[in-house]
Protein backbone atom coordinates (compact mmCIF):
# COMPACT_ATOMS: atom_id res chain seq x y z
CA UNK A 1 128.19 108.41 107.33
CA UNK A 2 128.37 110.40 104.55
CA UNK A 3 125.33 113.10 103.45
CA UNK A 4 124.87 110.51 100.93
CA UNK A 5 124.59 107.81 102.77
CA UNK A 6 122.25 109.32 105.66
CA UNK A 7 119.72 110.41 102.99
CA UNK A 8 119.94 106.52 101.69
CA UNK A 9 118.96 105.51 105.14
CA UNK A 10 116.34 107.65 105.75
CA UNK A 11 114.89 106.85 102.55
CA UNK A 12 114.49 103.43 103.45
CA UNK A 13 113.63 104.03 106.91
CA UNK A 14 110.71 105.87 105.49
CA UNK A 15 110.21 103.44 102.27
CA UNK A 16 109.73 106.72 100.51
CA UNK A 17 108.72 105.10 97.00
CA UNK A 18 105.85 104.14 98.84
CA UNK A 19 104.46 107.08 99.38
CA UNK A 20 103.41 107.23 95.49
CA UNK A 21 100.32 105.68 96.69
CA UNK A 22 99.41 108.32 98.84
CA UNK A 23 98.09 111.45 96.55
CA UNK A 24 95.71 109.28 95.11
CA UNK A 25 93.85 109.41 98.68
CA UNK A 26 93.90 113.14 98.83
CA UNK A 27 92.75 113.79 94.98
CA UNK A 28 89.88 110.66 95.28
CA UNK A 29 88.93 112.29 98.72
CA UNK A 30 88.94 116.20 97.00
CA UNK A 31 86.85 114.86 93.79
CA UNK A 32 84.29 112.12 95.19
CA UNK A 33 83.08 115.04 97.66
CA UNK A 34 82.13 117.57 94.97
CA UNK A 35 84.91 119.52 95.09
CA UNK A 36 87.10 120.91 91.82
CA UNK A 37 91.04 120.20 92.14
CA UNK A 38 93.09 123.57 93.89
CA UNK A 39 96.33 124.86 93.73
CA UNK A 40 96.09 123.78 97.30
CA UNK A 41 95.74 119.48 96.71
CA UNK A 42 99.46 119.92 96.43
CA UNK A 43 99.73 121.31 99.67
CA UNK A 44 97.09 118.49 100.88
CA UNK A 45 99.25 115.94 99.30
CA UNK A 46 102.59 117.29 100.84
CA UNK A 47 101.03 116.88 104.13
CA UNK A 48 100.21 113.10 103.59
CA UNK A 49 102.92 112.25 102.53
CA UNK A 50 104.74 113.90 105.54
CA UNK A 51 102.21 112.00 107.71
CA UNK A 52 102.92 109.13 105.57
CA UNK A 53 106.80 108.90 105.91
CA UNK A 54 106.08 110.15 109.75
CA UNK A 55 103.89 106.88 110.24
CA UNK A 56 107.05 104.87 108.74
CA UNK A 57 110.09 106.45 110.71
CA UNK A 58 107.70 105.58 114.19
CA UNK A 59 107.26 102.48 113.05
CA UNK A 60 110.44 101.42 112.66
CA UNK A 61 111.16 103.19 115.60
CA UNK A 62 108.27 101.31 118.40
CA UNK A 63 109.59 98.49 116.25
CA UNK A 64 113.30 98.45 116.89
CA UNK A 65 113.56 95.77 119.25
CA UNK A 66 111.77 93.05 117.21
CA UNK A 67 113.41 94.24 114.54
CA UNK A 68 116.61 93.34 115.73
CA UNK A 69 116.12 89.61 115.63
CA UNK A 70 113.33 89.59 112.96
CA UNK A 71 114.74 91.81 110.56
CA UNK A 72 118.41 92.84 111.14
CA UNK A 73 118.36 95.06 107.44
CA UNK A 74 116.27 97.47 108.19
CA UNK A 75 118.47 101.23 109.37
CA UNK A 76 117.68 100.70 112.80
CA UNK A 77 119.39 97.63 113.76
CA UNK A 78 122.02 97.67 111.32
CA UNK A 79 122.97 100.89 112.75
CA UNK A 80 122.54 102.95 109.76
CA UNK A 81 120.22 105.03 111.75
CA UNK A 82 119.74 105.46 115.14
CA UNK A 83 116.42 104.91 117.58
CA UNK A 84 117.09 108.85 118.58
CA UNK A 85 117.33 109.91 115.63
CA UNK A 86 114.06 107.75 113.62
CA UNK A 87 112.05 109.23 116.61
CA UNK A 88 113.04 113.02 115.79
CA UNK A 89 112.68 112.62 112.26
CA UNK A 90 109.21 110.91 112.80
CA UNK A 91 108.18 114.06 114.90
CA UNK A 92 109.65 116.24 112.33
CA UNK A 93 107.40 114.50 109.25
CA UNK A 94 103.99 114.56 111.54
CA UNK A 95 104.94 118.78 112.39
CA UNK A 96 105.47 119.36 108.96
CA UNK A 97 102.51 117.31 108.15
CA UNK A 98 99.79 119.48 110.21
CA UNK A 99 101.50 122.59 108.92
CA UNK A 100 101.24 122.00 105.40
CA UNK A 101 97.92 120.70 106.36
CA UNK A 102 97.14 124.16 107.65
CA UNK A 103 98.20 125.82 105.11
CA UNK A 104 95.90 123.69 102.80
CA UNK A 105 92.79 124.50 104.45
CA UNK A 106 93.17 126.57 107.26
CA UNK A 107 91.52 125.74 110.61
CA UNK A 108 89.39 123.40 108.93
CA UNK A 109 92.84 121.68 107.71
CA UNK A 110 94.31 120.99 111.10
CA UNK A 111 91.28 118.87 111.83
CA UNK A 112 92.03 115.88 109.13
CA UNK A 113 95.86 116.73 110.05
CA UNK A 114 95.32 116.07 113.95
CA UNK A 115 92.91 112.93 113.18
CA UNK A 116 95.20 111.08 111.13
CA UNK A 117 98.28 112.14 113.24
CA UNK A 118 96.90 110.63 116.22
CA UNK A 119 95.35 107.08 114.39
CA UNK A 120 99.06 106.86 113.38
CA UNK A 121 101.07 107.55 116.29
CA UNK A 122 98.30 105.28 118.53
CA UNK A 123 98.48 102.59 115.78
CA UNK A 124 102.48 102.22 116.12
CA UNK A 125 102.66 103.07 120.10
CA UNK A 126 99.72 101.03 120.97
CA UNK A 127 97.49 99.36 118.71
CA UNK A 128 99.83 97.36 116.08
CA UNK A 129 99.90 94.26 118.09
CA UNK A 130 95.80 93.90 119.26
CA UNK A 131 92.75 93.17 117.38
CA UNK A 132 92.25 96.51 116.74
CA UNK A 133 95.20 97.15 114.40
CA UNK A 134 93.69 96.45 111.19
CA UNK A 135 91.27 98.72 111.40
CA UNK A 136 93.45 101.66 112.59
CA UNK A 137 94.96 101.19 110.23
CA UNK A 138 92.38 101.40 107.61
CA UNK A 139 90.88 104.46 109.39
CA UNK A 140 93.69 106.44 109.26
CA UNK A 141 93.66 106.05 105.20
CA UNK A 142 90.43 106.53 105.16
CA UNK A 143 91.06 109.68 106.98
CA UNK A 144 93.57 110.54 104.49
CA UNK A 145 90.93 110.44 101.84
CA UNK A 146 88.39 112.47 104.06
CA UNK A 147 91.47 115.08 104.28
CA UNK A 148 91.24 115.63 100.76
CA UNK A 149 87.50 116.35 100.78
CA UNK A 150 88.28 119.00 103.35
CA UNK A 151 91.34 120.80 101.05
CA UNK A 152 89.09 121.15 98.72
CA UNK A 153 86.16 122.68 101.01
CA UNK A 154 83.68 120.00 99.67
CA UNK A 155 80.81 118.13 101.41
CA UNK A 156 82.67 115.38 103.96
CA UNK A 157 79.70 112.85 103.63
CA UNK A 158 79.53 112.79 99.52
CA UNK A 159 83.32 111.74 100.04
CA UNK A 160 82.68 108.78 102.93
CA UNK A 161 82.10 106.04 100.17
CA UNK A 162 85.45 106.30 98.95
CA UNK A 163 87.16 106.91 102.29
CA UNK A 164 85.50 103.64 103.92
CA UNK A 165 86.51 101.56 100.50
CA UNK A 166 90.24 102.32 101.08
CA UNK A 167 90.07 102.10 104.10
CA UNK A 168 88.38 98.45 103.56
CA UNK A 169 91.49 97.54 101.61
CA UNK A 170 94.41 98.80 103.88
CA UNK A 171 92.49 96.82 106.69
CA UNK A 172 92.33 93.68 104.94
CA UNK A 173 96.57 94.29 103.89
CA UNK A 174 97.24 95.45 107.77
CA UNK A 175 95.62 92.05 108.50
CA UNK A 176 97.57 89.92 106.23
CA UNK A 177 100.66 91.67 107.22
CA UNK A 178 101.40 90.53 110.79
CA UNK A 179 102.51 86.97 109.30
CA UNK A 180 104.71 88.96 107.05
CA UNK A 181 107.72 86.85 109.13
CA UNK A 182 106.31 83.86 110.39
CA UNK A 183 103.56 82.94 108.63
CA UNK A 184 100.97 80.74 111.22
CA UNK A 185 98.01 79.29 110.09
CA UNK A 186 95.96 82.80 110.03
CA UNK A 187 97.96 83.89 107.37
CA UNK A 188 95.93 81.42 104.57
CA UNK A 189 92.46 82.60 106.37
CA UNK A 190 93.62 86.40 106.28
CA UNK A 191 94.15 85.54 102.12
CA UNK A 192 91.01 84.11 101.63
CA UNK A 193 89.13 86.87 103.67
CA UNK A 194 91.94 89.79 101.37
CA UNK A 195 90.28 88.23 98.17
CA UNK A 196 86.58 88.41 99.27
CA UNK A 197 86.97 91.81 100.80
CA UNK A 198 88.60 92.79 97.30
CA UNK A 199 86.08 91.28 95.33
CA UNK A 200 83.74 93.59 97.71
CA UNK A 201 86.02 96.41 97.08
CA UNK A 202 86.28 96.12 93.66
CA UNK A 203 82.29 95.61 92.75
CA UNK A 204 82.25 98.61 94.80
CA UNK A 205 84.39 100.80 92.58
CA UNK A 206 82.61 99.89 89.55
CA UNK A 207 79.02 99.62 90.26
CA UNK A 208 76.64 101.92 88.43
CA UNK A 209 75.87 104.90 90.30
CA UNK A 210 73.15 108.10 89.42
CA UNK A 211 74.64 110.83 87.32
CA UNK A 212 77.75 108.90 86.66
CA UNK A 213 78.96 109.34 82.69
CA UNK A 214 78.99 106.11 80.50
CA UNK A 215 82.66 106.70 80.12
CA UNK A 216 84.02 107.69 83.59
CA UNK A 217 82.20 104.46 84.40
CA UNK A 218 83.54 102.36 81.76
CA UNK A 219 87.48 103.62 83.28
CA UNK A 220 86.49 102.63 86.84
CA UNK A 221 85.02 99.35 85.85
CA UNK A 222 88.71 98.76 83.50
CA UNK A 223 91.02 99.84 86.44
CA UNK A 224 89.13 97.99 89.25
CA UNK A 225 89.80 94.95 87.48
CA UNK A 226 93.24 96.25 87.29
CA UNK A 227 93.01 96.09 90.80
CA UNK A 228 91.74 93.06 91.54
CA UNK A 229 94.31 91.86 88.55
CA UNK A 230 97.87 92.62 90.66
CA UNK A 231 96.40 92.08 94.44
CA UNK A 232 94.59 88.79 93.83
CA UNK A 233 96.66 86.90 92.32
CA UNK A 234 99.63 86.77 95.50
CA UNK A 235 96.68 86.64 97.93
CA UNK A 236 96.04 82.81 96.04
CA UNK A 237 99.23 82.34 96.29
CA UNK A 238 99.64 82.72 100.03
CA UNK A 239 95.77 80.97 100.47
CA UNK A 240 97.37 77.79 98.32
CA UNK A 241 100.73 77.57 100.72
CA UNK A 242 101.91 80.26 103.44
CA UNK A 243 105.14 81.22 103.54
CA UNK A 244 106.71 84.23 104.70
CA UNK A 245 108.17 85.35 101.42
CA UNK A 246 104.64 85.03 99.37
CA UNK A 247 103.25 87.37 102.29
CA UNK A 248 105.50 89.91 101.65
CA UNK A 249 104.96 90.03 98.15
CA UNK A 250 101.04 89.78 99.26
CA UNK A 251 101.34 92.89 101.11
CA UNK A 252 104.01 94.82 98.86
CA UNK A 253 101.06 94.19 96.14
CA UNK A 254 98.24 95.26 98.56
CA UNK A 255 100.02 98.54 99.39
CA UNK A 256 100.77 99.30 95.24
CA UNK A 257 97.16 98.15 94.57
CA UNK A 258 95.86 101.55 95.93
CA UNK A 259 97.23 103.47 92.89
CA UNK A 260 93.99 101.31 90.34
CA UNK A 261 92.24 101.24 93.13
CA UNK A 262 92.43 105.35 94.01
CA UNK A 263 92.39 105.80 89.98
CA UNK A 264 88.98 103.74 90.23
CA UNK A 265 87.43 106.13 92.46
CA UNK A 266 88.76 109.40 90.44
CA UNK A 267 86.88 107.93 87.27
CA UNK A 268 84.09 107.64 89.19
CA UNK A 269 84.32 111.04 90.00
CA UNK A 270 84.21 112.76 86.99
CA UNK A 271 88.50 112.43 86.13
CA UNK A 272 89.25 109.98 83.92
CA UNK A 273 92.30 111.70 82.59
CA UNK A 274 93.41 112.47 86.31
CA UNK A 275 92.26 108.86 86.78
CA UNK A 276 94.77 107.23 83.75
CA UNK A 277 97.90 109.60 85.45
CA UNK A 278 97.38 108.09 88.80
CA UNK A 279 97.08 104.57 87.35
CA UNK A 280 100.41 105.15 85.54
CA UNK A 281 102.25 105.42 88.42
CA UNK A 282 101.59 101.72 88.98
CA UNK A 283 104.09 100.26 87.24
CA UNK A 284 106.62 102.60 88.83
CA UNK A 285 105.80 101.99 92.23
CA UNK A 286 106.16 98.25 91.62
CA UNK A 287 109.26 98.85 90.20
CA UNK A 288 110.98 101.12 93.33
CA UNK A 289 109.10 99.01 95.52
CA UNK A 290 111.71 95.75 94.67
CA UNK A 291 114.72 97.66 95.03
CA UNK A 292 112.72 99.10 98.82
CA UNK A 293 110.31 97.59 100.03
CA UNK A 294 107.16 99.36 100.77
CA UNK A 295 106.61 97.35 104.31
């Protein structure tokens, strides 16, 4: 393989474009904790992106035998990436992510990076196929939000509501993703739960809160509506009649819906301009997702 071919295979392995959904976690956590944006936010974002990519590479390494039957087009079963290379990439990205987090927050920054790495590796290697899988994956995204609070030097307790909202949304996606290949009766149930859960998420983002300016409240409500508009229709299609294609589209929509969701949380924290910038990445993420599936 040429160097360009290797790079393309690695991009597909880690679902590189899906990392557009990561910076909003850190920014939402940082701003909701009461901290101000600082240059170190870039390091915290880079750390989270590396750990996200590590999780994707490790996911395919762990699923290589299943994928050989169900998804032979993926990089490992197709032979474009060896299992050893995928595992090495996951390990290297994890180490890089932890190092960047330490650079962003010193010793304090090691705590969320270590917790996030533990959640990612334990999900991929231990919990993915268990009833605890959605909760573990949700916890990983919640920790990612809290990493922003740590990097910004803010108050963790103030960032907990934002972390919980993102964690709930992620858990709903993960629950549905279990039926991506061979949807069973549980797919319609998971979709129905997703519709109800996403409504609760949107209400939490748009709900009035003391100290939130009218402009920020209006922006967060609009972004919560955009979140619902992007996520609920694919869920409704699954609930009407599950199929592998419909479930995959709903899971992809849920991953991309993190962008308006994160933007809504940032708007609530008093940064509507930054919120709009995050939301503006949504169409790009969806477009790139049609080339490289985010799941």
